[in-house]
Protein backbone atom coordinates (compact mmCIF):
# COMPACT_ATOMS: atom_id res chain seq x y z
CA MET A 1 48.37 -37.78 42.12
CA LYS A 2 51.84 -39.24 42.53
CA ILE A 3 53.50 -39.44 45.96
CA PRO A 4 56.54 -37.30 44.97
CA ASN A 5 54.21 -34.54 43.73
CA ILE A 6 52.21 -34.69 46.96
CA LEU A 7 55.45 -34.20 48.92
CA THR A 8 56.40 -31.25 46.71
CA LEU A 9 52.97 -29.66 47.22
CA LEU A 10 53.32 -30.28 50.97
CA ARG A 11 56.57 -28.31 50.90
CA ILE A 12 54.76 -25.34 49.35
CA VAL A 13 51.91 -25.59 51.87
CA LEU A 14 54.46 -25.63 54.71
CA ILE A 15 55.83 -22.20 53.72
CA PRO A 16 53.05 -20.08 55.28
CA VAL A 17 52.87 -22.51 58.22
CA PHE A 18 56.62 -22.10 58.78
CA ILE A 19 56.37 -18.30 58.65
CA LEU A 20 53.33 -18.18 60.93
CA VAL A 21 54.95 -20.45 63.51
CA TYR A 22 58.23 -18.50 63.40
CA TYR A 23 56.45 -15.28 64.35
CA LEU A 24 54.27 -16.73 67.10
CA PRO A 25 55.03 -15.39 70.55
CA GLY A 26 56.94 -17.79 72.70
CA SER A 27 60.49 -18.97 73.01
CA TRP A 28 59.56 -22.30 71.38
CA ALA A 29 58.45 -20.73 68.07
CA PRO A 30 61.85 -20.48 66.31
CA LEU A 31 62.70 -24.09 67.19
CA ALA A 32 59.27 -25.25 65.97
CA ALA A 33 59.74 -23.27 62.73
CA ALA A 34 63.16 -24.91 62.31
CA GLY A 35 61.41 -28.27 62.73
CA ILE A 36 58.89 -27.38 60.02
CA PHE A 37 61.69 -26.23 57.72
CA SER A 38 63.52 -29.50 58.46
CA ILE A 39 60.46 -31.50 57.41
CA ALA A 40 60.30 -29.49 54.19
CA ALA A 41 64.03 -30.05 53.56
CA ILE A 42 63.60 -33.79 54.08
CA THR A 43 60.67 -33.89 51.65
CA ASP A 44 62.94 -32.15 49.12
CA TRP A 45 65.31 -35.09 49.20
CA PHE A 46 62.61 -37.73 49.65
CA ASP A 47 60.37 -36.67 46.75
CA GLY A 48 63.27 -36.92 44.30
CA TYR A 49 64.28 -40.28 45.72
CA LEU A 50 60.74 -41.63 45.43
CA ALA A 51 60.27 -40.24 41.94
CA ARG A 52 63.33 -42.18 40.78
CA ARG A 53 62.73 -45.31 42.88
CA LEU A 54 59.03 -45.65 42.04
CA GLU A 55 59.51 -44.38 38.49
CA GLN A 56 57.01 -41.60 39.18
CA SER A 57 58.81 -38.72 37.52
CA SER A 58 56.45 -36.33 35.81
CA PRO A 59 56.59 -33.02 33.95
CA PHE A 60 54.52 -31.47 36.77
CA GLY A 61 57.04 -32.67 39.38
CA ALA A 62 60.02 -31.60 37.27
CA PHE A 63 58.52 -28.11 37.11
CA LEU A 64 57.21 -27.79 40.67
CA ASP A 65 60.07 -29.35 42.65
CA PRO A 66 62.66 -26.61 41.97
CA VAL A 67 59.99 -23.95 42.44
CA ALA A 68 59.08 -25.36 45.86
CA ASP A 69 62.76 -25.50 46.84
CA LYS A 70 63.42 -21.90 45.86
CA LEU A 71 60.26 -20.60 47.55
CA MET A 72 61.10 -22.38 50.80
CA VAL A 73 64.72 -21.22 50.88
CA ALA A 74 63.84 -17.64 49.88
CA ALA A 75 61.14 -17.42 52.57
CA ALA A 76 63.55 -18.70 55.23
CA LEU A 77 66.34 -16.37 54.15
CA VAL A 78 64.02 -13.34 54.19
CA VAL A 79 62.90 -14.25 57.72
CA LEU A 80 66.52 -14.64 58.82
CA VAL A 81 67.61 -11.35 57.25
CA GLU A 82 64.86 -9.60 59.18
CA THR A 83 65.70 -11.44 62.42
CA PHE A 84 69.43 -10.73 62.29
CA ALA A 85 69.04 -7.27 60.71
CA GLU A 86 72.75 -7.16 59.89
CA PRO A 87 74.53 -6.64 56.56
CA TRP A 88 76.65 -9.75 57.15
CA MET A 89 73.45 -11.81 57.06
CA THR A 90 72.01 -9.97 54.07
CA VAL A 91 75.04 -10.55 51.83
CA PRO A 92 74.90 -14.37 51.66
CA ALA A 93 71.09 -14.28 51.45
CA VAL A 94 71.22 -11.96 48.43
CA ILE A 95 73.92 -14.12 46.81
CA ILE A 96 71.85 -17.29 47.26
CA ILE A 97 68.53 -15.77 46.13
CA GLY A 98 70.20 -13.89 43.26
CA ARG A 99 71.93 -17.04 42.02
CA GLU A 100 68.63 -18.91 42.03
CA ILE A 101 67.06 -16.22 39.85
CA VAL A 102 70.02 -16.19 37.43
CA ILE A 103 70.20 -19.98 37.12
CA SER A 104 66.42 -20.35 36.74
CA ALA A 105 66.46 -17.84 33.89
CA LEU A 106 69.52 -19.53 32.38
CA ARG A 107 67.89 -22.97 32.50
CA GLU A 108 64.71 -21.61 30.93
CA TRP A 109 66.68 -19.94 28.14
CA MET A 110 68.83 -23.03 27.56
CA ALA A 111 65.67 -25.18 27.40
CA GLU A 112 64.35 -22.92 24.65
CA LEU A 113 67.55 -23.67 22.72
CA GLY A 114 67.16 -27.39 23.38
CA LYS A 115 70.32 -27.34 25.51
CA ARG A 116 68.78 -27.84 28.98
CA ALA A 117 71.13 -30.76 29.73
CA SER A 118 74.08 -28.35 29.46
CA VAL A 119 72.96 -26.73 32.73
CA ALA A 120 71.86 -29.82 34.66
CA VAL A 121 72.23 -29.98 38.44
CA SER A 122 75.81 -30.73 39.48
CA MET A 123 77.26 -32.42 42.56
CA ILE A 124 78.46 -29.02 43.79
CA GLY A 125 74.84 -27.85 43.60
CA LYS A 126 73.73 -30.80 45.71
CA ILE A 127 76.42 -30.13 48.33
CA LYS A 128 75.49 -26.44 48.29
CA THR A 129 71.85 -27.30 48.87
CA THR A 130 72.69 -29.60 51.79
CA LEU A 131 74.93 -26.98 53.44
CA GLN A 132 72.35 -24.27 52.78
CA MET A 133 69.51 -26.28 54.34
CA ALA A 134 71.63 -27.20 57.39
CA SER A 135 72.68 -23.57 57.90
CA ILE A 136 69.11 -22.31 57.65
CA ILE A 137 67.88 -24.91 60.15
CA ILE A 138 70.61 -23.90 62.62
CA LEU A 139 69.95 -20.17 62.12
CA LEU A 140 66.21 -20.64 62.61
CA ALA A 141 66.59 -22.80 65.70
CA PHE A 142 69.09 -20.76 67.69
CA PRO A 143 69.00 -17.11 68.75
CA PRO A 144 71.12 -14.57 66.86
CA LEU A 145 74.66 -14.16 68.19
CA SER A 146 74.58 -17.49 70.09
CA VAL A 147 77.51 -19.85 69.58
CA LEU A 148 75.41 -22.19 67.46
CA SER A 149 74.05 -19.37 65.34
CA TRP A 150 77.63 -18.43 64.43
CA ILE A 151 78.10 -22.00 63.17
CA GLY A 152 74.97 -21.45 61.08
CA VAL A 153 76.35 -18.16 59.74
CA ALA A 154 79.65 -19.85 58.80
CA ALA A 155 77.72 -22.63 57.05
CA LEU A 156 75.58 -20.05 55.24
CA TYR A 157 78.72 -18.31 53.97
CA GLY A 158 80.03 -21.71 52.86
CA ALA A 159 76.76 -22.27 51.00
CA ALA A 160 77.04 -18.80 49.43
CA LEU A 161 80.58 -19.58 48.20
CA LEU A 162 79.41 -22.90 46.74
CA THR A 163 76.50 -20.98 45.21
CA LEU A 164 78.91 -18.70 43.37
CA TRP A 165 81.06 -21.65 42.32
CA SER A 166 78.10 -23.64 40.96
CA MET A 167 76.81 -20.53 39.18
CA ALA A 168 80.21 -20.12 37.52
CA ILE A 169 80.05 -23.75 36.36
CA TYR A 170 76.56 -23.23 34.89
CA LEU A 171 77.56 -19.98 33.19
CA LYS A 172 80.70 -21.60 31.77
CA ALA A 173 78.58 -24.41 30.30
CA ALA A 174 76.17 -21.87 28.79
CA TRP A 175 78.84 -19.39 27.66
CA PRO A 176 79.25 -20.78 24.13
CA PHE A 177 75.54 -20.09 23.57
CA LEU A 178 75.49 -16.77 25.44
CA LYS A 179 78.44 -15.18 23.65
CA GLU A 180 76.86 -15.57 20.21
CA ASP A 181 74.84 -12.37 20.65
CA ILE A 182 77.40 -10.15 22.37
């Protein structure tokens, strides 16, 4: 098994650990869960770096890496929506999760057409992911309605806006193929 794939699998294994730790009694639990999420976020970057650097890219890794990312982010956003229990937290979470579903389906469909490269990851997507991960870490680590949690909320809204922007870019690239059957 290749090191990047091990890191990707570790990210998936960390999901139930992250959730379990988050719900443990004790004031330390949210900060510990944020630490676990941080480790997962770092492995997200590191596995891609290693796959390129060590020339260990694989079909398994290409499939599993985005799945692991989406599972981790969705799990964290669901936990945060429950914790905050406010519509203003639900809106960006739904935008981010909904975009991931739309773009995953779009990429799958474009791959069937042999046009997968038309919807490749963009720099805006990378910035969105970085802002999204940072906002989730802040929101997990600090109590709702604290000064730092508001910074996390602002960053989450920034990530949601970049999410919509990157989705528009992907849809624009796919539009020539989508409009054929309208």
